[in-house]
């Protein structure tokens, strides 16, 4: 996601993504997750990414 701060941990197809972005302002948690999933759709489709836990916050929420 352009302009987002992203930290990813994990391995073997199972990852945790901590994403901080202004783009999440005013969005529901489901909409936030949809934005992140859209960025990794190719990896999910290929099977490279099996499980993803998403923590999606605005910069204000991350402080």
C-alpha atoms as a PDB file:
ATOM      1  CA  UNK A   1       0.000   0.000   0.000  1.00  0.00           C
ATOM      2  CA  UNK A   2       1.569   3.294  -1.035  1.00  0.00           C
ATOM      3  CA  UNK A   3       2.495   5.447   1.945  1.00  0.00           C
ATOM      4  CA  UNK A   4       1.779   2.716   4.491  1.00  0.00           C
ATOM      5  CA  UNK A   5       4.151   1.555   7.205  1.00  0.00           C
ATOM      6  CA  UNK A   6       4.173  -2.246   7.022  1.00  0.00           C
ATOM      7  CA  UNK A   7       5.830  -4.810   9.285  1.00  0.00           C
ATOM      8  CA  UNK A   8       5.476  -8.481   8.374  1.00  0.00           C
ATOM      9  CA  UNK A   9       6.490 -11.441  10.491  1.00  0.00           C
ATOM     10  CA  UNK A  10       6.046 -15.177  10.200  1.00  0.00           C
ATOM     11  CA  UNK A  11       6.891 -17.743   7.585  1.00  0.00           C
ATOM     12  CA  UNK A  12       5.931 -21.025   5.931  1.00  0.00           C
ATOM     13  CA  UNK A  13       2.817 -19.432   4.419  1.00  0.00           C
ATOM     14  CA  UNK A  14       1.554 -17.982   7.715  1.00  0.00           C
ATOM     15  CA  UNK A  15       2.166 -14.305   8.337  1.00  0.00           C
ATOM     16  CA  UNK A  16       1.174 -11.360  10.519  1.00  0.00           C
ATOM     17  CA  UNK A  17       1.005  -7.944   8.847  1.00  0.00           C
ATOM     18  CA  UNK A  18       0.973  -4.789  10.948  1.00  0.00           C
ATOM     19  CA  UNK A  19      -0.119  -2.012   8.604  1.00  0.00           C
ATOM     20  CA  UNK A  20      -0.392   1.681   9.512  1.00  0.00           C
ATOM     21  CA  UNK A  21      -1.952   3.956   6.908  1.00  0.00           C
ATOM     22  CA  UNK A  22      -3.964   7.159   6.587  1.00  0.00           C
ATOM     23  CA  UNK A  23      -6.055   5.241   4.038  1.00  0.00           C
ATOM     24  CA  UNK A  24      -7.759   3.398   6.917  1.00  0.00           C
ATOM     25  CA  UNK A  25      -9.318   6.561   8.390  1.00  0.00           C
ATOM     26  CA  UNK A  26     -13.088   6.226   8.620  1.00  0.00           C
ATOM     27  CA  UNK A  27     -13.121   2.618   7.414  1.00  0.00           C
ATOM     28  CA  UNK A  28     -14.543  -0.393   9.211  1.00  0.00           C
ATOM     29  CA  UNK A  29     -12.155  -3.194  10.167  1.00  0.00           C
ATOM     30  CA  UNK A  30     -13.540  -5.313   7.315  1.00  0.00           C
ATOM     31  CA  UNK A  31     -12.888  -2.578   4.735  1.00  0.00           C
ATOM     32  CA  UNK A  32      -9.360  -2.130   6.114  1.00  0.00           C
ATOM     33  CA  UNK A  33      -8.673  -5.846   5.744  1.00  0.00           C
ATOM     34  CA  UNK A  34     -10.069  -5.811   2.207  1.00  0.00           C
ATOM     35  CA  UNK A  35      -7.568  -3.093   1.258  1.00  0.00           C
ATOM     36  CA  UNK A  36      -4.689  -5.185   2.599  1.00  0.00           C
ATOM     37  CA  UNK A  37      -5.937  -8.406   0.992  1.00  0.00           C
ATOM     38  CA  UNK A  38      -6.153  -6.620  -2.369  1.00  0.00           C
ATOM     39  CA  UNK A  39      -2.403  -5.986  -2.126  1.00  0.00           C
ATOM     40  CA  UNK A  40      -1.550  -9.653  -1.567  1.00  0.00           C
ATOM     41  CA  UNK A  41      -4.164 -11.292  -3.790  1.00  0.00           C
ATOM     42  CA  UNK A  42      -1.561 -12.778  -6.154  1.00  0.00           C
ATOM     43  CA  UNK A  43       0.285 -14.430  -3.255  1.00  0.00           C
ATOM     44  CA  UNK A  44      -2.969 -15.863  -1.880  1.00  0.00           C
ATOM     45  CA  UNK A  45      -4.052 -17.143  -5.300  1.00  0.00           C
ATOM     46  CA  UNK A  46      -0.676 -18.810  -5.911  1.00  0.00           C
ATOM     47  CA  UNK A  47      -0.764 -20.534  -2.515  1.00  0.00           C
ATOM     48  CA  UNK A  48       2.431 -18.801  -1.412  1.00  0.00           C
ATOM     49  CA  UNK A  49       0.413 -17.092   1.325  1.00  0.00           C
ATOM     50  CA  UNK A  50      -1.855 -19.453   3.230  1.00  0.00           C
ATOM     51  CA  UNK A  51      -2.825 -17.500   6.346  1.00  0.00           C
ATOM     52  CA  UNK A  52      -2.594 -13.798   7.112  1.00  0.00           C
ATOM     53  CA  UNK A  53      -3.376 -12.047  10.361  1.00  0.00           C
ATOM     54  CA  UNK A  54      -3.894  -8.335   9.760  1.00  0.00           C
ATOM     55  CA  UNK A  55      -3.523  -5.503  12.259  1.00  0.00           C
ATOM     56  CA  UNK A  56      -4.654  -2.382  10.381  1.00  0.00           C
ATOM     57  CA  UNK A  57      -4.476   1.010  12.112  1.00  0.00           C
ATOM     58  CA  UNK A  58      -4.394   4.689  11.276  1.00  0.00           C
ATOM     59  CA  UNK A  59      -1.327   6.633  12.449  1.00  0.00           C
ATOM     60  CA  UNK A  60      -3.366   8.097  15.334  1.00  0.00           C
ATOM     61  CA  UNK A  61      -4.467   4.626  16.451  1.00  0.00           C
ATOM     62  CA  UNK A  62      -0.904   3.324  16.276  1.00  0.00           C
ATOM     63  CA  UNK A  63       0.411   5.941  18.713  1.00  0.00           C
END
